[in-house]
Amino acid sequence: MTFEEVKQILNETGLPFTYYSYPVGEVPNLPYMVFYYPNTENFGADDVVYAHISVLNVELYTKNKDFQTERAVESVFESHGLFWDKSESYLDSEHMYEVLYEMEIVING
């Protein structure tokens, strides 16, 4: 998978998204997503990186708990064979929910 393919997959959700954070004053209405690559879990062989594995985090932000939107996002991930784990928190200061999807992807280009 390429970094561009990740953006194409996120585009299929129909939700607005950006890399890491929206600029001040340009945050869209909820729901929206943010994605980023916080670290790698590369696989090594013969003292070289044999497989470039990036951790991909996708954060879904909603005003209320939104099972339907979560399921729609998860269906897109599953249709592309992505294995994910999720956690959830409520951001008191922002008055919204954050659902974090964590997955690993092999980067081929």
PDB file of N, CA and C in Angstrom:
ATOM      1  N   MET A   1       0.847  -1.169   0.000  1.00  0.00           N
ATOM      2  CA  MET A   1       0.000   0.000   0.000  1.00  0.00           C
ATOM      3  C   MET A   1       0.895   1.235   0.000  1.00  0.00           C
ATOM      4  N   THR A   2       0.422   2.281  -0.642  1.00  0.00           N
ATOM      5  CA  THR A   2       1.156   3.544  -0.663  1.00  0.00           C
ATOM      6  C   THR A   2       0.442   4.553   0.229  1.00  0.00           C
ATOM      7  N   PHE A   3       1.130   5.629   0.557  1.00  0.00           N
ATOM      8  CA  PHE A   3       0.511   6.689   1.347  1.00  0.00           C
ATOM      9  C   PHE A   3      -0.689   7.277   0.599  1.00  0.00           C
ATOM     10  N   GLU A   4      -0.592   7.364  -0.712  1.00  0.00           N
ATOM     11  CA  GLU A   4      -1.701   7.879  -1.519  1.00  0.00           C
ATOM     12  C   GLU A   4      -2.909   6.945  -1.452  1.00  0.00           C
ATOM     13  N   GLU A   5      -2.679   5.641  -1.429  1.00  0.00           N
ATOM     14  CA  GLU A   5      -3.784   4.685  -1.322  1.00  0.00           C
ATOM     15  C   GLU A   5      -4.506   4.821   0.020  1.00  0.00           C
ATOM     16  N   VAL A   6      -3.768   5.136   1.073  1.00  0.00           N
ATOM     17  CA  VAL A   6      -4.404   5.368   2.375  1.00  0.00           C
ATOM     18  C   VAL A   6      -5.381   6.533   2.257  1.00  0.00           C
ATOM     19  N   LYS A   7      -4.976   7.601   1.613  1.00  0.00           N
ATOM     20  CA  LYS A   7      -5.874   8.756   1.429  1.00  0.00           C
ATOM     21  C   LYS A   7      -7.086   8.379   0.585  1.00  0.00           C
ATOM     22  N   GLN A   8      -6.902   7.537  -0.419  1.00  0.00           N
ATOM     23  CA  GLN A   8      -8.031   7.098  -1.241  1.00  0.00           C
ATOM     24  C   GLN A   8      -9.022   6.281  -0.417  1.00  0.00           C
ATOM     25  N   ILE A   9      -8.515   5.431   0.475  1.00  0.00           N
ATOM     26  CA  ILE A   9      -9.389   4.641   1.346  1.00  0.00           C
ATOM     27  C   ILE A   9     -10.183   5.558   2.259  1.00  0.00           C
ATOM     28  N   LEU A  10      -9.512   6.527   2.877  1.00  0.00           N
ATOM     29  CA  LEU A  10     -10.214   7.458   3.764  1.00  0.00           C
ATOM     30  C   LEU A  10     -11.246   8.277   2.993  1.00  0.00           C
ATOM     31  N   ASN A  11     -10.954   8.603   1.768  1.00  0.00           N
ATOM     32  CA  ASN A  11     -11.891   9.350   0.931  1.00  0.00           C
ATOM     33  C   ASN A  11     -13.190   8.569   0.722  1.00  0.00           C
ATOM     34  N   GLU A  12     -13.102   7.243   0.674  1.00  0.00           N
ATOM     35  CA  GLU A  12     -14.288   6.401   0.478  1.00  0.00           C
ATOM     36  C   GLU A  12     -15.279   6.495   1.636  1.00  0.00           C
ATOM     37  N   THR A  13     -14.834   6.955   2.791  1.00  0.00           N
ATOM     38  CA  THR A  13     -15.754   7.097   3.929  1.00  0.00           C
ATOM     39  C   THR A  13     -16.753   8.228   3.708  1.00  0.00           C
ATOM     40  N   GLY A  14     -16.409   9.160   2.824  1.00  0.00           N
ATOM     41  CA  GLY A  14     -17.277  10.314   2.583  1.00  0.00           C
ATOM     42  C   GLY A  14     -17.156  11.396   3.640  1.00  0.00           C
ATOM     43  N   LEU A  15     -16.259  11.208   4.599  1.00  0.00           N
ATOM     44  CA  LEU A  15     -16.066  12.197   5.658  1.00  0.00           C
ATOM     45  C   LEU A  15     -14.868  13.076   5.340  1.00  0.00           C
ATOM     46  N   PRO A  16     -14.906  14.327   5.775  1.00  0.00           N
ATOM     47  CA  PRO A  16     -13.708  15.152   5.598  1.00  0.00           C
ATOM     48  C   PRO A  16     -12.577  14.611   6.472  1.00  0.00           C
ATOM     49  N   PHE A  17     -11.349  14.732   5.983  1.00  0.00           N
ATOM     50  CA  PHE A  17     -10.185  14.271   6.737  1.00  0.00           C
ATOM     51  C   PHE A  17      -8.976  15.089   6.344  1.00  0.00           C
ATOM     52  N   THR A  18      -7.981  15.064   7.220  1.00  0.00           N
ATOM     53  CA  THR A  18      -6.718  15.732   6.948  1.00  0.00           C
ATOM     54  C   THR A  18      -5.607  14.982   7.653  1.00  0.00           C
ATOM     55  N   TYR A  19      -4.384  15.301   7.279  1.00  0.00           N
ATOM     56  CA  TYR A  19      -3.233  14.705   7.952  1.00  0.00           C
ATOM     57  C   TYR A  19      -2.927  15.488   9.217  1.00  0.00           C
ATOM     58  N   TYR A  20      -2.869  14.830  10.323  1.00  0.00           N
ATOM     59  CA  TYR A  20      -2.453  15.270  11.650  1.00  0.00           C
ATOM     60  C   TYR A  20      -3.378  16.290  12.313  1.00  0.00           C
ATOM     61  N   SER A  21      -3.602  17.446  11.725  1.00  0.00           N
ATOM     62  CA  SER A  21      -4.524  18.408  12.328  1.00  0.00           C
ATOM     63  C   SER A  21      -4.962  19.433  11.291  1.00  0.00           C
ATOM     64  N   TYR A  22      -6.148  19.960  11.532  1.00  0.00           N
ATOM     65  CA  TYR A  22      -6.654  21.024  10.670  1.00  0.00           C
ATOM     66  C   TYR A  22      -6.037  22.348  11.093  1.00  0.00           C
ATOM     67  N   PRO A  23      -5.807  23.235  10.140  1.00  0.00           N
ATOM     68  CA  PRO A  23      -5.334  24.574  10.506  1.00  0.00           C
ATOM     69  C   PRO A  23      -6.393  25.298  11.348  1.00  0.00           C
ATOM     70  N   VAL A  24      -5.951  26.176  12.210  1.00  0.00           N
ATOM     71  CA  VAL A  24      -6.866  26.951  13.046  1.00  0.00           C
ATOM     72  C   VAL A  24      -7.861  27.684  12.153  1.00  0.00           C
ATOM     73  N   GLY A  25      -9.119  27.573  12.493  1.00  0.00           N
ATOM     74  CA  GLY A  25     -10.173  28.245  11.737  1.00  0.00           C
ATOM     75  C   GLY A  25     -10.669  27.476  10.530  1.00  0.00           C
ATOM     76  N   GLU A  26     -10.080  26.314  10.226  1.00  0.00           N
ATOM     77  CA  GLU A  26     -10.488  25.534   9.054  1.00  0.00           C
ATOM     78  C   GLU A  26     -11.042  24.167   9.417  1.00  0.00           C
ATOM     79  N   VAL A  27     -11.394  23.977  10.671  1.00  0.00           N
ATOM     80  CA  VAL A  27     -11.931  22.690  11.103  1.00  0.00           C
ATOM     81  C   VAL A  27     -13.360  22.557  10.567  1.00  0.00           C
ATOM     82  N   PRO A  28     -13.665  21.447   9.878  1.00  0.00           N
ATOM     83  CA  PRO A  28     -15.017  21.275   9.334  1.00  0.00           C
ATOM     84  C   PRO A  28     -16.012  20.916  10.445  1.00  0.00           C
ATOM     85  N   ASN A  29     -17.273  20.928  10.086  1.00  0.00           N
ATOM     86  CA  ASN A  29     -18.304  20.485  11.018  1.00  0.00           C
ATOM     87  C   ASN A  29     -18.122  18.998  11.300  1.00  0.00           C
ATOM     88  N   LEU A  30     -18.533  18.583  12.486  1.00  0.00           N
ATOM     89  CA  LEU A  30     -18.499  17.163  12.846  1.00  0.00           C
ATOM     90  C   LEU A  30     -19.516  16.394  12.033  1.00  0.00           C
ATOM     91  N   PRO A  31     -19.259  15.134  11.702  1.00  0.00           N
ATOM     92  CA  PRO A  31     -18.067  14.345  12.003  1.00  0.00           C
ATOM     93  C   PRO A  31     -16.948  14.608  11.000  1.00  0.00           C
ATOM     94  N   TYR A  32     -15.727  14.383  11.450  1.00  0.00           N
ATOM     95  CA  TYR A  32     -14.561  14.462  10.579  1.00  0.00           C
ATOM     96  C   TYR A  32     -13.488  13.533  11.120  1.00  0.00           C
ATOM     97  N   MET A  33     -12.422  13.346  10.319  1.00  0.00           N
ATOM     98  CA  MET A  33     -11.338  12.453  10.706  1.00  0.00           C
ATOM     99  C   MET A  33      -9.979  13.137  10.558  1.00  0.00           C
ATOM    100  N   VAL A  34      -9.027  12.621  11.320  1.00  0.00           N
ATOM    101  CA  VAL A  34      -7.623  13.022  11.232  1.00  0.00           C
ATOM    102  C   VAL A  34      -6.818  11.726  11.175  1.00  0.00           C
ATOM    103  N   PHE A  35      -5.792  11.685  10.335  1.00  0.00           N
ATOM    104  CA  PHE A  35      -4.947  10.495  10.282  1.00  0.00           C
ATOM    105  C   PHE A  35      -3.483  10.896  10.366  1.00  0.00           C
ATOM    106  N   TYR A  36      -2.676   9.971  10.871  1.00  0.00           N
ATOM    107  CA  TYR A  36      -1.244  10.210  10.992  1.00  0.00           C
ATOM    108  C   TYR A  36      -0.523   8.889  11.233  1.00  0.00           C
ATOM    109  N   TYR A  37       0.788   8.930  11.105  1.00  0.00           N
ATOM    110  CA  TYR A  37       1.640   7.756  11.262  1.00  0.00           C
ATOM    111  C   TYR A  37       2.557   8.001  12.458  1.00  0.00           C
ATOM    112  N   PRO A  38       2.170   7.581  13.676  1.00  0.00           N
ATOM    113  CA  PRO A  38       2.943   7.945  14.863  1.00  0.00           C
ATOM    114  C   PRO A  38       4.276   7.222  15.006  1.00  0.00           C
ATOM    115  N   ASN A  39       4.423   6.055  14.416  1.00  0.00           N
ATOM    116  CA  ASN A  39       5.682   5.325  14.509  1.00  0.00           C
ATOM    117  C   ASN A  39       5.670   4.163  13.521  1.00  0.00           C
ATOM    118  N   THR A  40       6.786   3.429  13.496  1.00  0.00           N
ATOM    119  CA  THR A  40       6.888   2.267  12.616  1.00  0.00           C
ATOM    120  C   THR A  40       7.089   1.002  13.455  1.00  0.00           C
ATOM    121  N   GLU A  41       6.777  -0.107  12.845  1.00  0.00           N
ATOM    122  CA  GLU A  41       7.012  -1.436  13.418  1.00  0.00           C
ATOM    123  C   GLU A  41       7.686  -2.282  12.331  1.00  0.00           C
ATOM    124  N   ASN A  42       8.765  -1.757  11.760  1.00  0.00           N
ATOM    125  CA  ASN A  42       9.422  -2.393  10.631  1.00  0.00           C
ATOM    126  C   ASN A  42       9.876  -3.816  10.963  1.00  0.00           C
ATOM    127  N   PHE A  43       9.935  -4.630   9.916  1.00  0.00           N
ATOM    128  CA  PHE A  43      10.409  -5.999  10.034  1.00  0.00           C
ATOM    129  C   PHE A  43      11.798  -6.057   9.417  1.00  0.00           C
ATOM    130  N   GLY A  44      12.750  -6.569  10.171  1.00  0.00           N
ATOM    131  CA  GLY A  44      14.119  -6.623   9.684  1.00  0.00           C
ATOM    132  C   GLY A  44      14.563  -8.030   9.346  1.00  0.00           C
ATOM    133  N   ALA A  45      15.478  -8.112   8.388  1.00  0.00           N
ATOM    134  CA  ALA A  45      16.111  -9.376   8.012  1.00  0.00           C
ATOM    135  C   ALA A  45      17.486  -9.051   7.448  1.00  0.00           C
ATOM    136  N   ASP A  46      18.477  -9.800   7.850  1.00  0.00           N
ATOM    137  CA  ASP A  46      19.850  -9.607   7.364  1.00  0.00           C
ATOM    138  C   ASP A  46      20.329  -8.170   7.579  1.00  0.00           C
ATOM    139  N   ASP A  47      19.983  -7.613   8.723  1.00  0.00           N
ATOM    140  CA  ASP A  47      20.417  -6.269   9.131  1.00  0.00           C
ATOM    141  C   ASP A  47      19.903  -5.141   8.237  1.00  0.00           C
ATOM    142  N   VAL A  48      18.782  -5.374   7.557  1.00  0.00           N
ATOM    143  CA  VAL A  48      18.142  -4.319   6.772  1.00  0.00           C
ATOM    144  C   VAL A  48      16.641  -4.335   7.059  1.00  0.00           C
ATOM    145  N   VAL A  49      15.989  -3.255   6.701  1.00  0.00           N
ATOM    146  CA  VAL A  49      14.533  -3.218   6.807  1.00  0.00           C
ATOM    147  C   VAL A  49      13.973  -4.039   5.661  1.00  0.00           C
ATOM    148  N   TYR A  50      13.380  -5.153   6.002  1.00  0.00           N
ATOM    149  CA  TYR A  50      12.819  -6.057   4.996  1.00  0.00           C
ATOM    150  C   TYR A  50      11.412  -5.626   4.607  1.00  0.00           C
ATOM    151  N   ALA A  51      10.633  -5.171   5.575  1.00  0.00           N
ATOM    152  CA  ALA A  51       9.270  -4.693   5.309  1.00  0.00           C
ATOM    153  C   ALA A  51       9.051  -3.392   6.058  1.00  0.00           C
ATOM    154  N   HIS A  52       8.662  -2.361   5.329  1.00  0.00           N
ATOM    155  CA  HIS A  52       8.372  -1.056   5.915  1.00  0.00           C
ATOM    156  C   HIS A  52       6.935  -1.083   6.434  1.00  0.00           C
ATOM    157  N   ILE A  53       6.794  -1.157   7.747  1.00  0.00           N
ATOM    158  CA  ILE A  53       5.472  -1.244   8.359  1.00  0.00           C
ATOM    159  C   ILE A  53       5.233   0.022   9.170  1.00  0.00           C
ATOM    160  N   SER A  54       4.236   0.780   8.774  1.00  0.00           N
ATOM    161  CA  SER A  54       3.886   2.005   9.482  1.00  0.00           C
ATOM    162  C   SER A  54       2.640   1.775  10.312  1.00  0.00           C
ATOM    163  N   VAL A  55       2.656   2.326  11.502  1.00  0.00           N
ATOM    164  CA  VAL A  55       1.446   2.364  12.309  1.00  0.00           C
ATOM    165  C   VAL A  55       0.606   3.515  11.766  1.00  0.00           C
ATOM    166  N   LEU A  56      -0.649   3.241  11.518  1.00  0.00           N
ATOM    167  CA  LEU A  56      -1.589   4.247  11.017  1.00  0.00           C
ATOM    168  C   LEU A  56      -2.657   4.472  12.064  1.00  0.00           C
ATOM    169  N   ASN A  57      -2.796   5.704  12.510  1.00  0.00           N
ATOM    170  CA  ASN A  57      -3.880   6.080  13.412  1.00  0.00           C
ATOM    171  C   ASN A  57      -4.885   6.920  12.647  1.00  0.00           C
ATOM    172  N   VAL A  58      -6.148   6.567  12.797  1.00  0.00           N
ATOM    173  CA  VAL A  58      -7.239   7.349  12.221  1.00  0.00           C
ATOM    174  C   VAL A  58      -8.151   7.719  13.382  1.00  0.00           C
ATOM    175  N   GLU A  59      -8.339   9.009  13.582  1.00  0.00           N
ATOM    176  CA  GLU A  59      -9.207   9.496  14.656  1.00  0.00           C
ATOM    177  C   GLU A  59     -10.507  10.000  14.041  1.00  0.00           C
ATOM    178  N   LEU A  60     -11.614   9.469  14.528  1.00  0.00           N
ATOM    179  CA  LEU A  60     -12.943   9.895  14.103  1.00  0.00           C
ATOM    180  C   LEU A  60     -13.533  10.747  15.209  1.00  0.00           C
ATOM    181  N   TYR A  61     -13.955  11.956  14.883  1.00  0.00           N
ATOM    182  CA  TYR A  61     -14.552  12.869  15.845  1.00  0.00           C
ATOM    183  C   TYR A  61     -16.033  13.054  15.528  1.00  0.00           C
ATOM    184  N   THR A  62     -16.872  12.894  16.563  1.00  0.00           N
ATOM    185  CA  THR A  62     -18.321  13.065  16.410  1.00  0.00           C
ATOM    186  C   THR A  62     -18.877  13.851  17.587  1.00  0.00           C
ATOM    187  N   LYS A  63     -19.988  14.521  17.374  1.00  0.00           N
ATOM    188  CA  LYS A  63     -20.641  15.293  18.437  1.00  0.00           C
ATOM    189  C   LYS A  63     -21.236  14.362  19.485  1.00  0.00           C
ATOM    190  N   ASN A  64     -21.931  13.331  19.030  1.00  0.00           N
ATOM    191  CA  ASN A  64     -22.550  12.338  19.893  1.00  0.00           C
ATOM    192  C   ASN A  64     -21.990  10.972  19.535  1.00  0.00           C
ATOM    193  N   LYS A  65     -22.192  10.012  20.397  1.00  0.00           N
ATOM    194  CA  LYS A  65     -21.798   8.642  20.073  1.00  0.00           C
ATOM    195  C   LYS A  65     -22.553   8.242  18.818  1.00  0.00           C
ATOM    196  N   ASP A  66     -21.818   7.860  17.768  1.00  0.00           N
ATOM    197  CA  ASP A  66     -22.427   7.640  16.461  1.00  0.00           C
ATOM    198  C   ASP A  66     -22.043   6.258  15.927  1.00  0.00           C
ATOM    199  N   PHE A  67     -22.795   5.249  16.354  1.00  0.00           N
ATOM    200  CA  PHE A  67     -22.504   3.875  15.949  1.00  0.00           C
ATOM    201  C   PHE A  67     -22.589   3.706  14.439  1.00  0.00           C
ATOM    202  N   GLN A  68     -23.531   4.395  13.805  1.00  0.00           N
ATOM    203  CA  GLN A  68     -23.713   4.249  12.360  1.00  0.00           C
ATOM    204  C   GLN A  68     -22.484   4.755  11.599  1.00  0.00           C
ATOM    205  N   THR A  69     -21.968   5.901  11.970  1.00  0.00           N
ATOM    206  CA  THR A  69     -20.783   6.437  11.296  1.00  0.00           C
ATOM    207  C   THR A  69     -19.572   5.556  11.563  1.00  0.00           C
ATOM    208  N   GLU A  70     -19.422   5.089  12.795  1.00  0.00           N
ATOM    209  CA  GLU A  70     -18.312   4.191  13.110  1.00  0.00           C
ATOM    210  C   GLU A  70     -18.388   2.940  12.239  1.00  0.00           C
ATOM    211  N   ARG A  71     -19.553   2.354  12.146  1.00  0.00           N
ATOM    212  CA  ARG A  71     -19.709   1.128  11.356  1.00  0.00           C
ATOM    213  C   ARG A  71     -19.404   1.381   9.886  1.00  0.00           C
ATOM    214  N   ALA A  72     -19.807   2.544   9.373  1.00  0.00           N
ATOM    215  CA  ALA A  72     -19.525   2.877   7.973  1.00  0.00           C
ATOM    216  C   ALA A  72     -18.018   2.979   7.735  1.00  0.00           C
ATOM    217  N   VAL A  73     -17.303   3.641   8.654  1.00  0.00           N
ATOM    218  CA  VAL A  73     -15.845   3.756   8.542  1.00  0.00           C
ATOM    219  C   VAL A  73     -15.207   2.372   8.614  1.00  0.00           C
ATOM    220  N   GLU A  74     -15.659   1.563   9.560  1.00  0.00           N
ATOM    221  CA  GLU A  74     -15.109   0.217   9.733  1.00  0.00           C
ATOM    222  C   GLU A  74     -15.366  -0.658   8.504  1.00  0.00           C
ATOM    223  N   SER A  75     -16.507  -0.481   7.876  1.00  0.00           N
ATOM    224  CA  SER A  75     -16.809  -1.246   6.663  1.00  0.00           C
ATOM    225  C   SER A  75     -15.841  -0.908   5.536  1.00  0.00           C
ATOM    226  N   VAL A  76     -15.490   0.362   5.422  1.00  0.00           N
ATOM    227  CA  VAL A  76     -14.506   0.764   4.406  1.00  0.00           C
ATOM    228  C   VAL A  76     -13.161   0.111   4.708  1.00  0.00           C
ATOM    229  N   PHE A  77     -12.732   0.159   5.966  1.00  0.00           N
ATOM    230  CA  PHE A  77     -11.462  -0.468   6.335  1.00  0.00           C
ATOM    231  C   PHE A  77     -11.488  -1.957   5.990  1.00  0.00           C
ATOM    232  N   GLU A  78     -12.561  -2.621   6.370  1.00  0.00           N
ATOM    233  CA  GLU A  78     -12.672  -4.060   6.131  1.00  0.00           C
ATOM    234  C   GLU A  78     -12.706  -4.404   4.651  1.00  0.00           C
ATOM    235  N   SER A  79     -13.321  -3.538   3.844  1.00  0.00           N
ATOM    236  CA  SER A  79     -13.382  -3.812   2.403  1.00  0.00           C
ATOM    237  C   SER A  79     -11.997  -3.769   1.761  1.00  0.00           C
ATOM    238  N   HIS A  80     -11.037  -3.146   2.440  1.00  0.00           N
ATOM    239  CA  HIS A  80      -9.661  -3.074   1.943  1.00  0.00           C
ATOM    240  C   HIS A  80      -8.733  -4.014   2.707  1.00  0.00           C
ATOM    241  N   GLY A  81      -9.303  -4.891   3.510  1.00  0.00           N
ATOM    242  CA  GLY A  81      -8.513  -5.874   4.222  1.00  0.00           C
ATOM    243  C   GLY A  81      -7.670  -5.309   5.351  1.00  0.00           C
ATOM    244  N   LEU A  82      -8.068  -4.162   5.896  1.00  0.00           N
ATOM    245  CA  LEU A  82      -7.315  -3.558   6.989  1.00  0.00           C
ATOM    246  C   LEU A  82      -7.783  -4.127   8.324  1.00  0.00           C
ATOM    247  N   PHE A  83      -6.846  -4.562   9.132  1.00  0.00           N
ATOM    248  CA  PHE A  83      -7.141  -5.037  10.480  1.00  0.00           C
ATOM    249  C   PHE A  83      -6.907  -3.878  11.440  1.00  0.00           C
ATOM    250  N   TRP A  84      -7.883  -3.565  12.269  1.00  0.00           N
ATOM    251  CA  TRP A  84      -7.785  -2.408  13.148  1.00  0.00           C
ATOM    252  C   TRP A  84      -8.230  -2.775  14.556  1.00  0.00           C
ATOM    253  N   ASP A  85      -7.757  -1.996  15.505  1.00  0.00           N
ATOM    254  CA  ASP A  85      -8.241  -2.000  16.877  1.00  0.00           C
ATOM    255  C   ASP A  85      -8.760  -0.602  17.142  1.00  0.00           C
ATOM    256  N   LYS A  86      -9.723  -0.489  18.057  1.00  0.00           N
ATOM    257  CA  LYS A  86     -10.257   0.842  18.318  1.00  0.00           C
ATOM    258  C   LYS A  86     -10.402   1.088  19.800  1.00  0.00           C
ATOM    259  N   SER A  87     -10.278   2.357  20.152  1.00  0.00           N
ATOM    260  CA  SER A  87     -10.529   2.820  21.511  1.00  0.00           C
ATOM    261  C   SER A  87     -11.325   4.109  21.401  1.00  0.00           C
ATOM    262  N   GLU A  88     -11.901   4.504  22.512  1.00  0.00           N
ATOM    263  CA  GLU A  88     -12.790   5.669  22.479  1.00  0.00           C
ATOM    264  C   GLU A  88     -12.575   6.527  23.715  1.00  0.00           C
ATOM    265  N   SER A  89     -12.751   7.821  23.545  1.00  0.00           N
ATOM    266  CA  SER A  89     -12.720   8.736  24.682  1.00  0.00           C
ATOM    267  C   SER A  89     -13.641   9.908  24.402  1.00  0.00           C
ATOM    268  N   TYR A  90     -14.048  10.555  25.463  1.00  0.00           N
ATOM    269  CA  TYR A  90     -14.843  11.776  25.335  1.00  0.00           C
ATOM    270  C   TYR A  90     -13.946  12.939  25.704  1.00  0.00           C
ATOM    271  N   LEU A  91     -13.881  13.929  24.824  1.00  0.00           N
ATOM    272  CA  LEU A  91     -13.036  15.104  25.049  1.00  0.00           C
ATOM    273  C   LEU A  91     -13.887  16.193  25.690  1.00  0.00           C
ATOM    274  N   ASP A  92     -13.814  16.294  27.002  1.00  0.00           N
ATOM    275  CA  ASP A  92     -14.646  17.254  27.740  1.00  0.00           C
ATOM    276  C   ASP A  92     -14.457  18.684  27.248  1.00  0.00           C
ATOM    277  N   SER A  93     -13.216  19.076  27.029  1.00  0.00           N
ATOM    278  CA  SER A  93     -12.940  20.460  26.642  1.00  0.00           C
ATOM    279  C   SER A  93     -13.481  20.788  25.253  1.00  0.00           C
ATOM    280  N   GLU A  94     -13.650  19.763  24.420  1.00  0.00           N
ATOM    281  CA  GLU A  94     -14.131  19.971  23.056  1.00  0.00           C
ATOM    282  C   GLU A  94     -15.594  19.570  22.885  1.00  0.00           C
ATOM    283  N   HIS A  95     -16.144  18.894  23.885  1.00  0.00           N
ATOM    284  CA  HIS A  95     -17.532  18.414  23.853  1.00  0.00           C
ATOM    285  C   HIS A  95     -17.787  17.523  22.635  1.00  0.00           C
ATOM    286  N   MET A  96     -16.895  16.537  22.467  1.00  0.00           N
ATOM    287  CA  MET A  96     -17.062  15.603  21.359  1.00  0.00           C
ATOM    288  C   MET A  96     -16.378  14.281  21.689  1.00  0.00           C
ATOM    289  N   TYR A  97     -16.755  13.267  20.931  1.00  0.00           N
ATOM    290  CA  TYR A  97     -16.174  11.943  21.072  1.00  0.00           C
ATOM    291  C   TYR A  97     -15.026  11.769  20.086  1.00  0.00           C
ATOM    292  N   GLU A  98     -14.039  10.995  20.525  1.00  0.00           N
ATOM    293  CA  GLU A  98     -12.946  10.605  19.645  1.00  0.00           C
ATOM    294  C   GLU A  98     -12.878   9.084  19.634  1.00  0.00           C
ATOM    295  N   VAL A  99     -12.975   8.511  18.461  1.00  0.00           N
ATOM    296  CA  VAL A  99     -12.765   7.078  18.290  1.00  0.00           C
ATOM    297  C   VAL A  99     -11.455   6.930  17.534  1.00  0.00           C
ATOM    298  N   LEU A 100     -10.511   6.224  18.161  1.00  0.00           N
ATOM    299  CA  LEU A 100      -9.193   6.030  17.575  1.00  0.00           C
ATOM    300  C   LEU A 100      -9.108   4.632  16.983  1.00  0.00           C
ATOM    301  N   TYR A 101      -8.826   4.566  15.693  1.00  0.00           N
ATOM    302  CA  TYR A 101      -8.569   3.302  15.000  1.00  0.00           C
ATOM    303  C   TYR A 101      -7.066   3.186  14.816  1.00  0.00           C
ATOM    304  N   GLU A 102      -6.486   2.094  15.292  1.00  0.00           N
ATOM    305  CA  GLU A 102      -5.057   1.851  15.166  1.00  0.00           C
ATOM    306  C   GLU A 102      -4.840   0.619  14.307  1.00  0.00           C
ATOM    307  N   MET A 103      -3.946   0.738  13.340  1.00  0.00           N
ATOM    308  CA  MET A 103      -3.654  -0.383  12.447  1.00  0.00           C
ATOM    309  C   MET A 103      -2.218  -0.274  11.966  1.00  0.00           C
ATOM    310  N   GLU A 104      -1.730  -1.355  11.388  1.00  0.00           N
ATOM    311  CA  GLU A 104      -0.410  -1.367  10.781  1.00  0.00           C
ATOM    312  C   GLU A 104      -0.563  -1.644   9.300  1.00  0.00           C
ATOM    313  N   ILE A 105       0.207  -0.913   8.495  1.00  0.00           N
ATOM    314  CA  ILE A 105       0.144  -1.106   7.054  1.00  0.00           C
ATOM    315  C   ILE A 105       1.557  -1.256   6.506  1.00  0.00           C
ATOM    316  N   VAL A 106       1.684  -2.071   5.497  1.00  0.00           N
ATOM    317  CA  VAL A 106       2.966  -2.247   4.809  1.00  0.00           C
ATOM    318  C   VAL A 106       3.032  -1.212   3.691  1.00  0.00           C
ATOM    319  N   ILE A 107       4.054  -0.385   3.735  1.00  0.00           N
ATOM    320  CA  ILE A 107       4.221   0.682   2.744  1.00  0.00           C
ATOM    321  C   ILE A 107       5.124   0.185   1.624  1.00  0.00           C
ATOM    322  N   ASN A 108       4.591   0.204   0.389  1.00  0.00           N
ATOM    323  CA  ASN A 108       5.358  -0.262  -0.776  1.00  0.00           C
ATOM    324  C   ASN A 108       5.813   0.864  -1.682  1.00  0.00           C
ATOM    325  N   GLY A 109       5.646   2.038  -1.282  1.00  0.00           N
ATOM    326  CA  GLY A 109       6.076   3.109  -2.178  1.00  0.00           C
ATOM    327  C   GLY A 109       5.647   4.449  -1.715  1.00  0.00           C
TER     328      GLY A 109
END
